[in-house]
N, C-alpha and C. Protein backbone atom coordinates (compact mmCIF):
# COMPACT_ATOMS: atom_id res chain seq x y z
N UNK A 1 91.04 96.04 90.63
CA UNK A 1 90.94 97.10 91.64
C UNK A 1 91.46 96.58 92.98
N UNK A 2 92.19 97.43 93.68
CA UNK A 2 92.77 97.03 94.96
C UNK A 2 91.70 96.53 95.93
N UNK A 3 92.01 95.40 96.58
CA UNK A 3 91.17 94.78 97.61
C UNK A 3 89.92 94.12 97.06
N UNK A 4 89.81 93.97 95.72
CA UNK A 4 88.74 93.16 95.16
C UNK A 4 88.96 91.70 95.52
N UNK A 5 87.88 90.98 95.72
CA UNK A 5 87.92 89.56 96.04
C UNK A 5 87.60 88.77 94.78
N UNK A 6 88.46 87.82 94.43
CA UNK A 6 88.30 87.08 93.19
C UNK A 6 88.44 85.58 93.42
N UNK A 7 87.73 84.80 92.61
CA UNK A 7 88.02 83.38 92.51
C UNK A 7 89.21 83.22 91.57
N UNK A 8 89.79 82.03 91.56
CA UNK A 8 90.91 81.80 90.64
C UNK A 8 90.46 82.02 89.20
N UNK A 9 89.27 81.53 88.85
CA UNK A 9 88.78 81.67 87.48
C UNK A 9 88.58 83.15 87.13
N UNK A 10 88.05 83.93 88.04
CA UNK A 10 87.85 85.36 87.81
C UNK A 10 89.18 86.07 87.63
N UNK A 11 90.17 85.65 88.40
CA UNK A 11 91.49 86.25 88.29
C UNK A 11 92.09 85.98 86.91
N UNK A 12 91.98 84.74 86.44
CA UNK A 12 92.49 84.41 85.10
C UNK A 12 91.74 85.18 84.02
N UNK A 13 90.43 85.27 84.17
CA UNK A 13 89.63 86.01 83.18
C UNK A 13 90.04 87.48 83.14
N UNK A 14 90.34 88.03 84.31
CA UNK A 14 90.75 89.43 84.39
C UNK A 14 92.05 89.66 83.62
N UNK A 15 92.92 88.65 83.62
CA UNK A 15 94.19 88.77 82.92
C UNK A 15 94.13 88.21 81.50
N UNK A 16 92.93 87.78 81.07
CA UNK A 16 92.71 87.28 79.70
C UNK A 16 93.59 86.08 79.37
N UNK A 17 93.72 85.15 80.35
CA UNK A 17 94.47 83.92 80.13
C UNK A 17 93.63 82.75 80.60
N UNK A 18 93.92 81.57 80.05
CA UNK A 18 93.21 80.37 80.46
C UNK A 18 93.60 79.93 81.86
N UNK A 19 94.90 80.06 82.17
CA UNK A 19 95.37 79.66 83.48
C UNK A 19 96.64 80.44 83.82
N UNK A 20 96.87 80.63 85.10
CA UNK A 20 98.12 81.22 85.59
C UNK A 20 98.81 80.12 86.37
N UNK A 21 99.84 79.53 85.76
CA UNK A 21 100.43 78.32 86.31
C UNK A 21 101.61 78.57 87.22
N UNK A 22 102.11 79.79 87.26
CA UNK A 22 103.26 80.08 88.10
C UNK A 22 103.02 81.36 88.88
N UNK A 23 103.83 81.56 89.90
CA UNK A 23 103.63 82.73 90.75
C UNK A 23 104.17 84.01 90.17
N UNK A 24 105.25 83.91 89.37
CA UNK A 24 105.87 85.09 88.76
C UNK A 24 105.57 85.08 87.27
N UNK A 25 105.02 86.17 86.77
CA UNK A 25 104.57 86.22 85.38
C UNK A 25 104.99 87.55 84.76
N UNK A 26 106.23 87.57 84.23
CA UNK A 26 106.75 88.80 83.65
C UNK A 26 106.00 89.14 82.37
N UNK A 27 105.44 90.33 82.33
CA UNK A 27 104.71 90.87 81.18
C UNK A 27 103.64 89.89 80.68
N UNK A 28 102.84 89.39 81.61
CA UNK A 28 101.67 88.62 81.23
C UNK A 28 100.71 89.51 80.45
N UNK A 29 100.79 90.81 80.69
CA UNK A 29 100.06 91.85 79.96
C UNK A 29 101.10 92.73 79.24
N UNK A 30 100.72 93.39 78.17
CA UNK A 30 101.67 94.32 77.52
C UNK A 30 102.09 95.48 78.42
N UNK A 31 101.32 95.72 79.50
CA UNK A 31 101.55 96.90 80.32
C UNK A 31 102.16 96.60 81.69
N UNK A 32 102.08 95.37 82.14
CA UNK A 32 102.52 95.07 83.51
C UNK A 32 102.78 93.57 83.67
N UNK A 33 103.42 93.25 84.77
CA UNK A 33 103.65 91.86 85.16
C UNK A 33 102.69 91.49 86.30
N UNK A 34 102.63 90.21 86.63
CA UNK A 34 101.73 89.73 87.68
C UNK A 34 102.50 88.80 88.62
N UNK A 35 102.27 88.97 89.92
CA UNK A 35 102.76 88.00 90.90
C UNK A 35 101.58 87.46 91.69
N UNK A 36 101.68 86.20 92.06
CA UNK A 36 100.76 85.57 92.98
C UNK A 36 101.53 85.33 94.27
N UNK A 37 100.98 85.77 95.37
CA UNK A 37 101.69 85.64 96.64
C UNK A 37 100.80 85.00 97.70
N UNK A 38 101.43 84.56 98.76
CA UNK A 38 100.69 83.96 99.88
C UNK A 38 101.49 84.14 101.15
N UNK A 39 100.80 84.46 102.21
CA UNK A 39 101.42 84.51 103.54
C UNK A 39 100.83 83.45 104.45
N UNK A 40 100.21 82.44 103.84
CA UNK A 40 99.63 81.35 104.63
C UNK A 40 100.74 80.52 105.27
N UNK A 41 100.39 79.80 106.30
CA UNK A 41 101.37 79.04 107.07
C UNK A 41 102.12 78.03 106.19
N UNK A 42 101.43 77.43 105.24
CA UNK A 42 102.05 76.41 104.39
C UNK A 42 102.54 76.96 103.06
N UNK A 43 102.67 78.27 102.96
CA UNK A 43 103.10 78.89 101.69
C UNK A 43 104.52 78.44 101.34
N UNK A 44 104.80 78.20 100.05
CA UNK A 44 106.12 77.71 99.66
C UNK A 44 107.21 78.77 99.69
N UNK A 45 106.84 80.05 99.74
CA UNK A 45 107.84 81.12 99.72
C UNK A 45 107.55 82.11 100.84
N UNK A 46 108.57 82.88 101.19
CA UNK A 46 108.45 83.84 102.29
C UNK A 46 108.11 85.23 101.75
N UNK A 47 106.83 85.48 101.55
CA UNK A 47 106.35 86.79 101.11
C UNK A 47 105.84 87.54 102.33
N UNK A 48 106.04 88.85 102.35
CA UNK A 48 105.56 89.61 103.51
C UNK A 48 105.31 91.06 103.15
N UNK A 49 104.45 91.68 103.93
CA UNK A 49 104.19 93.12 103.85
C UNK A 49 105.14 93.82 104.82
N UNK A 50 105.83 94.85 104.36
CA UNK A 50 106.76 95.56 105.23
C UNK A 50 106.02 96.44 106.22
N UNK A 51 106.74 96.87 107.23
CA UNK A 51 106.12 97.63 108.33
C UNK A 51 105.53 98.95 107.87
N UNK A 52 106.02 99.50 106.76
CA UNK A 52 105.46 100.78 106.30
C UNK A 52 104.05 100.62 105.73
N UNK A 53 103.62 99.37 105.51
CA UNK A 53 102.25 99.10 105.07
C UNK A 53 101.97 99.37 103.62
N UNK A 54 102.97 99.78 102.85
CA UNK A 54 102.74 100.08 101.43
C UNK A 54 103.71 99.31 100.52
N UNK A 55 104.58 98.50 101.11
CA UNK A 55 105.57 97.76 100.33
C UNK A 55 105.50 96.27 100.62
N UNK A 56 105.92 95.49 99.63
CA UNK A 56 105.93 94.03 99.73
C UNK A 56 107.34 93.53 99.49
N UNK A 57 107.76 92.53 100.27
CA UNK A 57 108.93 91.75 99.93
C UNK A 57 108.46 90.41 99.40
N UNK A 58 108.91 90.08 98.22
CA UNK A 58 108.42 88.90 97.50
C UNK A 58 109.60 88.00 97.18
N UNK A 59 109.55 86.75 97.65
CA UNK A 59 110.66 85.84 97.40
C UNK A 59 110.60 85.29 95.98
N UNK A 60 111.77 85.21 95.34
CA UNK A 60 111.86 84.60 94.02
C UNK A 60 111.50 83.13 94.06
N UNK A 61 111.49 82.50 92.89
CA UNK A 61 111.00 81.13 92.80
C UNK A 61 112.11 80.13 92.51
N UNK A 62 111.88 78.91 92.95
CA UNK A 62 112.88 77.86 92.90
C UNK A 62 113.03 77.27 91.50
N UNK A 63 114.14 76.58 91.30
CA UNK A 63 114.34 75.80 90.09
C UNK A 63 113.30 74.68 90.07
N UNK A 64 112.75 74.31 88.92
CA UNK A 64 111.75 73.23 88.89
C UNK A 64 112.35 71.90 89.34
N UNK A 65 111.51 71.10 89.94
CA UNK A 65 111.93 69.76 90.33
C UNK A 65 112.16 68.92 89.08
N UNK A 66 113.23 68.13 89.09
CA UNK A 66 113.57 67.32 87.92
C UNK A 66 114.29 66.07 88.38
N UNK A 67 114.73 65.27 87.41
CA UNK A 67 115.46 64.06 87.76
C UNK A 67 116.75 64.36 88.49
N UNK A 68 117.39 65.48 88.13
CA UNK A 68 118.64 65.87 88.78
C UNK A 68 118.42 66.59 90.11
N UNK A 69 117.26 67.20 90.24
CA UNK A 69 116.98 68.01 91.44
C UNK A 69 115.77 67.43 92.15
N UNK A 70 116.02 66.74 93.22
CA UNK A 70 114.94 66.11 93.98
C UNK A 70 114.26 67.09 94.92
N UNK A 71 115.04 68.01 95.49
CA UNK A 71 114.49 68.99 96.43
C UNK A 71 114.94 70.39 96.03
N UNK A 72 114.09 71.14 95.32
CA UNK A 72 114.47 72.50 94.90
C UNK A 72 114.82 73.43 96.05
N UNK A 73 114.37 73.13 97.27
CA UNK A 73 114.63 73.98 98.42
C UNK A 73 116.08 73.88 98.88
N UNK A 74 116.85 72.98 98.28
CA UNK A 74 118.26 72.85 98.62
C UNK A 74 119.17 73.47 97.56
N UNK A 75 118.56 74.07 96.53
CA UNK A 75 119.30 74.60 95.39
C UNK A 75 119.11 76.12 95.31
N UNK A 76 120.18 76.84 94.97
CA UNK A 76 120.07 78.29 94.78
C UNK A 76 118.99 78.61 93.75
N UNK A 77 118.22 79.66 94.02
CA UNK A 77 117.23 80.10 93.03
C UNK A 77 117.97 80.64 91.81
N UNK A 78 117.59 80.20 90.62
CA UNK A 78 118.38 80.54 89.43
C UNK A 78 117.97 81.86 88.77
N UNK A 79 118.96 82.52 88.20
CA UNK A 79 118.70 83.69 87.35
C UNK A 79 118.59 83.28 85.89
N UNK A 80 119.29 82.22 85.54
CA UNK A 80 119.30 81.73 84.17
C UNK A 80 118.93 80.24 84.15
N UNK A 81 118.37 79.81 83.03
CA UNK A 81 118.12 78.38 82.84
C UNK A 81 119.42 77.72 82.34
N UNK A 82 119.40 76.40 82.26
CA UNK A 82 120.58 75.68 81.76
C UNK A 82 120.88 76.03 80.31
N UNK A 83 119.87 76.49 79.58
CA UNK A 83 120.07 76.85 78.17
C UNK A 83 120.44 78.32 77.99
N UNK A 84 120.62 79.04 79.10
CA UNK A 84 121.06 80.42 79.01
C UNK A 84 119.96 81.46 78.91
N UNK A 85 118.71 81.05 79.08
CA UNK A 85 117.61 82.01 79.05
C UNK A 85 117.35 82.53 80.47
N UNK A 86 116.83 83.75 80.53
CA UNK A 86 116.46 84.31 81.83
C UNK A 86 115.26 83.57 82.41
N UNK A 87 115.35 83.19 83.68
CA UNK A 87 114.18 82.68 84.39
C UNK A 87 113.27 83.85 84.75
N UNK A 88 112.15 83.57 85.37
CA UNK A 88 111.30 84.66 85.86
C UNK A 88 112.07 85.51 86.87
N UNK A 89 112.87 84.87 87.73
CA UNK A 89 113.72 85.64 88.64
C UNK A 89 114.61 86.58 87.85
N UNK A 90 115.22 86.05 86.79
CA UNK A 90 116.13 86.85 85.98
C UNK A 90 115.45 88.00 85.27
N UNK A 91 114.25 87.75 84.76
CA UNK A 91 113.50 88.80 84.07
C UNK A 91 113.16 89.94 85.04
N UNK A 92 112.69 89.59 86.23
CA UNK A 92 112.36 90.61 87.23
C UNK A 92 113.62 91.36 87.68
N UNK A 93 114.71 90.61 87.94
CA UNK A 93 115.95 91.24 88.39
C UNK A 93 116.54 92.15 87.31
N UNK A 94 116.48 91.71 86.06
CA UNK A 94 117.02 92.53 84.96
C UNK A 94 116.22 93.82 84.80
N UNK A 95 114.89 93.74 84.99
CA UNK A 95 114.07 94.95 84.91
C UNK A 95 114.49 95.95 85.99
N UNK A 96 114.82 95.45 87.18
CA UNK A 96 115.27 96.33 88.26
C UNK A 96 116.64 96.92 87.95
N UNK A 97 117.55 96.10 87.42
CA UNK A 97 118.88 96.60 87.05
C UNK A 97 118.76 97.74 86.05
N UNK A 98 117.89 97.57 85.06
CA UNK A 98 117.71 98.61 84.04
C UNK A 98 117.07 99.87 84.65
N UNK A 99 116.12 99.66 85.55
CA UNK A 99 115.48 100.80 86.23
C UNK A 99 116.51 101.58 87.06
N UNK A 100 117.35 100.86 87.79
CA UNK A 100 118.32 101.52 88.66
C UNK A 100 119.44 102.19 87.86
N UNK A 101 119.67 101.71 86.64
CA UNK A 101 120.67 102.34 85.78
C UNK A 101 120.11 103.54 85.04
N UNK A 102 118.78 103.75 85.14
CA UNK A 102 118.15 104.90 84.51
C UNK A 102 117.76 104.68 83.06
N UNK A 103 117.80 103.44 82.57
CA UNK A 103 117.48 103.18 81.17
C UNK A 103 116.01 102.86 80.94
N UNK A 104 115.23 102.72 82.01
CA UNK A 104 113.80 102.46 81.86
C UNK A 104 113.08 102.84 83.14
N UNK A 105 111.76 102.98 83.04
CA UNK A 105 110.95 103.19 84.24
C UNK A 105 110.82 101.90 85.02
N UNK A 106 110.42 102.01 86.26
CA UNK A 106 110.20 100.82 87.07
C UNK A 106 109.09 99.95 86.47
N UNK A 107 109.31 98.66 86.47
CA UNK A 107 108.28 97.73 86.00
C UNK A 107 107.06 97.82 86.93
N UNK A 108 105.87 97.85 86.34
CA UNK A 108 104.63 97.85 87.11
C UNK A 108 104.17 96.40 87.28
N UNK A 109 103.82 96.05 88.50
CA UNK A 109 103.46 94.67 88.84
C UNK A 109 102.11 94.65 89.55
N UNK A 110 101.23 93.81 89.07
CA UNK A 110 99.93 93.61 89.71
C UNK A 110 100.04 92.40 90.64
N UNK A 111 99.62 92.56 91.88
CA UNK A 111 99.77 91.49 92.86
C UNK A 111 98.41 90.94 93.29
N UNK A 112 98.34 89.62 93.36
CA UNK A 112 97.18 88.92 93.90
C UNK A 112 97.66 88.06 95.06
N UNK A 113 96.85 87.97 96.10
CA UNK A 113 97.22 87.15 97.26
C UNK A 113 96.17 86.08 97.51
N UNK A 114 96.64 84.85 97.72
CA UNK A 114 95.75 83.75 98.08
C UNK A 114 95.45 83.83 99.56
N UNK A 115 94.16 83.93 99.90
CA UNK A 115 93.75 84.01 101.30
C UNK A 115 93.41 82.63 101.85
N UNK A 116 92.49 81.95 101.19
CA UNK A 116 92.14 80.57 101.49
C UNK A 116 91.92 79.88 100.15
N UNK A 117 91.76 78.58 100.15
CA UNK A 117 91.56 77.87 98.89
C UNK A 117 90.37 78.44 98.14
N UNK A 118 90.60 78.87 96.91
CA UNK A 118 89.53 79.39 96.06
C UNK A 118 89.24 80.86 96.23
N UNK A 119 89.91 81.53 97.17
CA UNK A 119 89.64 82.95 97.43
C UNK A 119 90.94 83.74 97.31
N UNK A 120 90.95 84.70 96.38
CA UNK A 120 92.11 85.55 96.14
C UNK A 120 91.72 87.02 96.34
N UNK A 121 92.67 87.82 96.71
CA UNK A 121 92.44 89.25 96.87
C UNK A 121 93.47 90.02 96.05
N UNK A 122 92.99 90.95 95.22
CA UNK A 122 93.93 91.78 94.47
C UNK A 122 94.53 92.82 95.42
N UNK A 123 95.85 92.94 95.40
CA UNK A 123 96.51 93.89 96.28
C UNK A 123 96.82 95.21 95.57
N UNK A 124 96.57 95.27 94.27
CA UNK A 124 96.78 96.50 93.53
C UNK A 124 98.04 96.45 92.68
N UNK A 125 98.48 97.63 92.23
CA UNK A 125 99.64 97.76 91.35
C UNK A 125 100.83 98.32 92.14
N UNK A 126 102.01 97.79 91.82
CA UNK A 126 103.23 98.14 92.54
C UNK A 126 104.35 98.45 91.55
N UNK A 127 105.32 99.24 92.00
CA UNK A 127 106.56 99.46 91.25
C UNK A 127 107.60 98.48 91.76
N UNK A 128 108.27 97.80 90.85
CA UNK A 128 109.34 96.86 91.17
C UNK A 128 110.63 97.65 91.27
N UNK A 129 111.13 97.85 92.50
CA UNK A 129 112.19 98.85 92.67
C UNK A 129 113.53 98.31 93.14
N UNK A 130 113.58 97.10 93.71
CA UNK A 130 114.86 96.64 94.24
C UNK A 130 114.83 95.13 94.43
N UNK A 131 116.00 94.54 94.57
CA UNK A 131 116.08 93.12 94.93
C UNK A 131 117.41 92.84 95.62
N UNK A 132 117.43 91.74 96.35
CA UNK A 132 118.64 91.22 96.98
C UNK A 132 118.79 89.76 96.55
N UNK A 133 120.01 89.29 96.51
CA UNK A 133 120.26 87.87 96.27
C UNK A 133 121.10 87.41 97.44
N UNK A 134 120.50 86.70 98.37
CA UNK A 134 121.13 86.46 99.66
C UNK A 134 120.84 85.06 100.16
N UNK A 135 121.57 84.67 101.19
CA UNK A 135 121.37 83.36 101.79
C UNK A 135 120.12 83.34 102.64
N UNK A 136 119.33 82.25 102.51
CA UNK A 136 118.20 82.08 103.41
C UNK A 136 118.65 81.27 104.63
N UNK A 137 117.71 80.84 105.45
CA UNK A 137 118.06 80.15 106.69
C UNK A 137 118.77 78.82 106.46
N UNK A 138 118.60 78.25 105.27
CA UNK A 138 119.25 76.97 104.96
C UNK A 138 120.61 77.16 104.30
N UNK A 139 120.95 78.41 103.96
CA UNK A 139 122.23 78.70 103.36
C UNK A 139 122.23 78.79 101.85
N UNK A 140 121.12 78.49 101.21
CA UNK A 140 121.07 78.62 99.75
C UNK A 140 120.77 80.08 99.40
N UNK A 141 120.98 80.44 98.14
CA UNK A 141 120.78 81.81 97.68
C UNK A 141 119.37 81.97 97.13
N UNK A 142 118.70 83.03 97.58
CA UNK A 142 117.34 83.31 97.10
C UNK A 142 117.23 84.78 96.71
N UNK A 143 116.30 85.05 95.79
CA UNK A 143 115.99 86.43 95.40
C UNK A 143 114.91 86.98 96.34
N UNK A 144 115.10 88.21 96.78
CA UNK A 144 114.08 88.94 97.55
C UNK A 144 113.80 90.23 96.80
N UNK A 145 112.59 90.34 96.25
CA UNK A 145 112.20 91.51 95.46
C UNK A 145 111.40 92.48 96.33
N UNK A 146 111.64 93.78 96.13
CA UNK A 146 110.89 94.81 96.85
C UNK A 146 109.97 95.53 95.87
N UNK A 147 108.70 95.60 96.25
CA UNK A 147 107.69 96.27 95.44
C UNK A 147 107.00 97.33 96.29
N UNK A 148 106.81 98.51 95.71
CA UNK A 148 106.21 99.64 96.41
C UNK A 148 104.89 100.02 95.75
N UNK A 149 103.87 100.22 96.56
CA UNK A 149 102.53 100.52 96.04
C UNK A 149 102.55 101.79 95.17
N UNK A 150 101.73 101.76 94.12
CA UNK A 150 101.59 102.92 93.24
C UNK A 150 100.12 103.35 93.21
N UNK A 151 99.87 104.44 92.49
CA UNK A 151 98.49 104.88 92.28
C UNK A 151 98.01 104.51 90.88
N UNK A 152 98.69 103.55 90.24
CA UNK A 152 98.25 103.07 88.93
C UNK A 152 97.00 102.20 89.07
N UNK A 153 96.16 102.24 88.04
CA UNK A 153 95.00 101.35 87.96
C UNK A 153 94.62 101.23 86.49
N UNK A 154 93.81 100.21 86.20
CA UNK A 154 93.34 100.03 84.83
C UNK A 154 92.12 100.90 84.58
N UNK A 155 92.17 101.66 83.51
CA UNK A 155 91.03 102.44 83.05
C UNK A 155 90.72 101.93 81.64
N UNK A 156 89.66 101.12 81.53
CA UNK A 156 89.43 100.40 80.28
C UNK A 156 90.54 99.38 80.12
N UNK A 157 91.26 99.46 79.03
CA UNK A 157 92.39 98.57 78.81
C UNK A 157 93.73 99.27 79.01
N UNK A 158 93.70 100.49 79.52
CA UNK A 158 94.91 101.29 79.66
C UNK A 158 95.31 101.40 81.14
N UNK A 159 96.62 101.30 81.37
CA UNK A 159 97.14 101.47 82.71
C UNK A 159 97.46 102.95 82.91
N UNK A 160 96.78 103.58 83.87
CA UNK A 160 96.96 105.01 84.08
C UNK A 160 97.23 105.29 85.56
N UNK A 161 97.94 106.37 85.80
CA UNK A 161 98.28 106.75 87.16
C UNK A 161 97.39 107.89 87.62
N UNK A 162 96.82 107.73 88.81
CA UNK A 162 96.00 108.78 89.42
C UNK A 162 96.78 109.34 90.61
N UNK A 163 97.53 110.40 90.36
CA UNK A 163 98.39 110.95 91.40
C UNK A 163 97.60 111.63 92.51
N UNK A 164 96.31 111.86 92.28
CA UNK A 164 95.48 112.49 93.32
C UNK A 164 94.94 111.47 94.31
N UNK A 165 95.02 110.18 93.95
CA UNK A 165 94.49 109.16 94.85
C UNK A 165 95.46 108.96 96.01
N UNK A 166 94.96 109.09 97.24
CA UNK A 166 95.86 108.91 98.39
C UNK A 166 96.27 107.46 98.56
N UNK A 167 97.47 107.26 99.07
CA UNK A 167 97.92 105.91 99.37
C UNK A 167 97.12 105.34 100.54
N UNK A 168 96.94 104.05 100.53
CA UNK A 168 96.30 103.40 101.68
C UNK A 168 97.12 102.18 102.05
N UNK A 169 97.25 101.93 103.32
CA UNK A 169 98.04 100.80 103.77
C UNK A 169 97.43 99.49 103.27
N UNK A 170 98.29 98.52 103.02
CA UNK A 170 97.84 97.19 102.61
C UNK A 170 97.18 96.51 103.80
N UNK A 171 95.99 95.98 103.58
CA UNK A 171 95.31 95.24 104.65
C UNK A 171 96.01 93.90 104.82
N UNK A 172 96.52 93.58 106.00
CA UNK A 172 97.23 92.31 106.19
C UNK A 172 96.35 91.11 105.87
N UNK A 173 96.98 90.05 105.37
CA UNK A 173 96.22 88.87 104.95
C UNK A 173 95.46 88.24 106.10
N UNK A 174 96.03 88.23 107.31
CA UNK A 174 95.33 87.60 108.42
C UNK A 174 94.06 88.36 108.77
N UNK A 175 94.08 89.70 108.57
CA UNK A 175 92.89 90.50 108.81
C UNK A 175 91.83 90.17 107.75
N UNK A 176 92.26 90.05 106.49
CA UNK A 176 91.31 89.71 105.43
C UNK A 176 90.68 88.35 105.69
N UNK A 177 91.45 87.39 106.15
CA UNK A 177 90.89 86.06 106.44
C UNK A 177 89.87 86.14 107.56
N UNK A 178 90.18 86.90 108.61
CA UNK A 178 89.23 87.07 109.72
C UNK A 178 87.94 87.70 109.23
N UNK A 179 88.07 88.74 108.40
CA UNK A 179 86.89 89.45 107.91
C UNK A 179 86.08 88.55 106.98
N UNK A 180 86.74 87.78 106.12
CA UNK A 180 86.04 86.86 105.20
C UNK A 180 85.19 85.87 106.00
N UNK A 181 85.76 85.32 107.05
CA UNK A 181 85.03 84.35 107.88
C UNK A 181 83.91 85.05 108.64
N UNK A 182 84.21 86.18 109.25
CA UNK A 182 83.22 86.91 110.04
C UNK A 182 82.03 87.35 109.20
N UNK A 183 82.30 87.88 107.99
CA UNK A 183 81.23 88.40 107.12
C UNK A 183 80.66 87.33 106.20
N UNK A 184 81.14 86.09 106.36
CA UNK A 184 80.61 84.93 105.61
C UNK A 184 80.72 85.10 104.10
N UNK A 185 81.75 85.84 103.68
CA UNK A 185 82.00 85.99 102.25
C UNK A 185 80.90 86.72 101.51
N UNK A 186 80.21 87.66 102.19
CA UNK A 186 79.10 88.40 101.57
C UNK A 186 79.16 89.87 101.95
N UNK A 187 78.54 90.70 101.11
CA UNK A 187 78.41 92.12 101.42
C UNK A 187 77.62 92.27 102.73
N UNK A 188 78.16 93.05 103.65
CA UNK A 188 77.51 93.19 104.95
C UNK A 188 76.22 94.00 104.87
N UNK A 189 76.00 94.71 103.76
CA UNK A 189 74.80 95.53 103.62
C UNK A 189 73.68 94.79 102.93
N UNK A 190 73.98 94.13 101.81
CA UNK A 190 72.91 93.51 101.02
C UNK A 190 73.01 91.99 100.92
N UNK A 191 74.11 91.41 101.41
CA UNK A 191 74.26 89.97 101.35
C UNK A 191 74.72 89.42 100.02
N UNK A 192 75.08 90.30 99.08
CA UNK A 192 75.54 89.84 97.77
C UNK A 192 76.87 89.10 97.92
N UNK A 193 77.06 88.09 97.05
CA UNK A 193 78.32 87.34 97.05
C UNK A 193 79.11 87.59 95.76
N UNK A 194 78.71 88.62 94.98
CA UNK A 194 79.39 88.94 93.72
C UNK A 194 80.08 90.30 93.80
N UNK A 195 81.17 90.44 93.06
CA UNK A 195 81.90 91.71 92.94
C UNK A 195 82.19 92.31 94.32
N UNK A 196 82.88 91.54 95.13
CA UNK A 196 83.13 91.94 96.52
C UNK A 196 84.47 92.64 96.68
N UNK A 197 84.54 93.49 97.70
CA UNK A 197 85.77 94.20 98.04
C UNK A 197 85.95 94.16 99.56
N UNK A 198 87.22 94.20 99.99
CA UNK A 198 87.52 94.50 101.38
C UNK A 198 87.55 96.03 101.51
N UNK A 199 86.79 96.55 102.45
CA UNK A 199 86.60 97.99 102.58
C UNK A 199 86.98 98.46 103.98
N UNK A 200 87.70 99.60 104.03
CA UNK A 200 87.93 100.26 105.32
C UNK A 200 86.64 100.98 105.72
N UNK A 201 86.09 100.65 106.88
CA UNK A 201 84.89 101.33 107.35
C UNK A 201 85.17 102.82 107.48
N UNK A 202 86.24 103.17 108.19
CA UNK A 202 86.75 104.54 108.21
C UNK A 202 88.00 104.54 107.34
N UNK A 203 88.02 105.32 106.25
CA UNK A 203 89.16 105.28 105.32
C UNK A 203 90.48 105.56 106.01
N UNK A 204 91.53 104.89 105.53
CA UNK A 204 92.87 105.09 106.07
C UNK A 204 93.26 106.56 106.01
N UNK A 205 92.88 107.26 104.91
CA UNK A 205 93.24 108.66 104.75
C UNK A 205 92.60 109.56 105.80
N UNK A 206 91.56 109.03 106.46
CA UNK A 206 90.87 109.81 107.50
C UNK A 206 91.14 109.25 108.89
N UNK A 207 92.19 108.42 108.99
CA UNK A 207 92.61 107.93 110.30
C UNK A 207 92.19 106.50 110.61
N UNK A 208 91.53 105.83 109.67
CA UNK A 208 91.12 104.45 109.90
C UNK A 208 92.29 103.49 109.88
N UNK A 209 92.16 102.39 110.57
CA UNK A 209 93.24 101.42 110.68
C UNK A 209 93.07 100.28 109.68
N UNK A 210 94.22 99.74 109.21
CA UNK A 210 94.21 98.55 108.35
C UNK A 210 94.60 97.30 109.13
N UNK A 211 94.97 97.47 110.38
CA UNK A 211 95.54 96.34 111.11
C UNK A 211 94.59 95.77 112.15
N UNK A 212 93.32 96.12 112.05
CA UNK A 212 92.31 95.52 112.92
C UNK A 212 91.08 95.18 112.10
N UNK A 213 90.52 94.00 112.36
CA UNK A 213 89.33 93.57 111.63
C UNK A 213 88.13 94.46 111.93
N UNK A 214 88.18 95.19 113.04
CA UNK A 214 87.05 96.04 113.43
C UNK A 214 86.81 97.16 112.41
N UNK A 215 87.84 97.54 111.66
CA UNK A 215 87.69 98.64 110.69
C UNK A 215 87.65 98.15 109.25
N UNK A 216 87.54 96.84 109.04
CA UNK A 216 87.50 96.28 107.69
C UNK A 216 86.23 95.45 107.55
N UNK A 217 85.58 95.56 106.41
CA UNK A 217 84.37 94.80 106.15
C UNK A 217 84.29 94.47 104.66
N UNK A 218 83.38 93.57 104.32
CA UNK A 218 83.17 93.22 102.92
C UNK A 218 81.98 94.00 102.39
N UNK A 219 82.18 94.66 101.23
CA UNK A 219 81.10 95.36 100.54
C UNK A 219 81.08 94.88 99.09
N UNK A 220 79.89 94.88 98.50
CA UNK A 220 79.79 94.63 97.06
C UNK A 220 80.21 95.90 96.33
N UNK A 221 80.41 95.79 95.01
CA UNK A 221 80.87 96.94 94.23
C UNK A 221 79.91 98.11 94.34
N UNK A 222 78.60 97.83 94.31
CA UNK A 222 77.61 98.92 94.35
C UNK A 222 77.70 99.69 95.66
N UNK A 223 77.72 98.99 96.78
CA UNK A 223 77.75 99.68 98.06
C UNK A 223 79.12 100.28 98.35
N UNK A 224 80.17 99.71 97.79
CA UNK A 224 81.49 100.31 97.92
C UNK A 224 81.54 101.65 97.18
N UNK A 225 80.93 101.70 95.98
CA UNK A 225 80.89 102.93 95.21
C UNK A 225 80.01 103.97 95.90
N UNK A 226 78.87 103.55 96.42
CA UNK A 226 77.99 104.48 97.14
C UNK A 226 78.70 105.11 98.31
N UNK A 227 79.45 104.30 99.04
CA UNK A 227 80.18 104.83 100.18
C UNK A 227 81.23 105.83 99.73
N UNK A 228 81.98 105.50 98.65
CA UNK A 228 83.02 106.39 98.13
C UNK A 228 82.43 107.73 97.72
N UNK A 229 81.27 107.69 97.07
CA UNK A 229 80.63 108.94 96.64
C UNK A 229 80.24 109.81 97.82
N UNK A 230 79.80 109.17 98.92
CA UNK A 230 79.42 109.94 100.10
C UNK A 230 80.63 110.59 100.75
N UNK A 231 81.76 109.84 100.75
CA UNK A 231 82.99 110.37 101.36
C UNK A 231 83.50 111.56 100.57
N UNK A 232 83.43 111.45 99.22
CA UNK A 232 83.88 112.55 98.38
C UNK A 232 83.01 113.79 98.55
């Protein structure tokens, strides 16, 4: 669920895997792919939320370090491996090529963001709609993928779209970090530290802001549901 707070172990359990060892995971589920992103100062890639508040730009991943490659940051991000197989970059880019040619629907991607060590936030489900292959500041070629928020969510084990659910802006990572520290990683109502969510105090659909910590707080699942029922 969007804006749920997870440990790494909880995130892996949610995806029914022992470990998620890479940031890009094409079809880790039969229904969708998964990306792990970070906007922290020391993050290895340049991921960002676009100004419209509902889209993400996600940088592709480097060639693995090897005996021949001492510094992957000096090498173009690959679409293919040396043996001719598609890399994760290639799998994501090929899905977009097929979508833009009209031969398939847009790939659905579930995004998780690392906030601080041991704390992850689910950003929800996105449509993988575009990419660029361009020079970065060092002159090497990198993939930049564009993902747009959807109204898809998991219902049981099925991925379903709720077209009646209004879009809500993505809460910036720096705001989530501020709120996590301020609320001490607990529900502000009952003090629970389980099944937590980042919650808009005043919903975005009713004019609430996502870009200030004053309108974001941590709630447990029970109090988040109670609040939703009252709003409805």
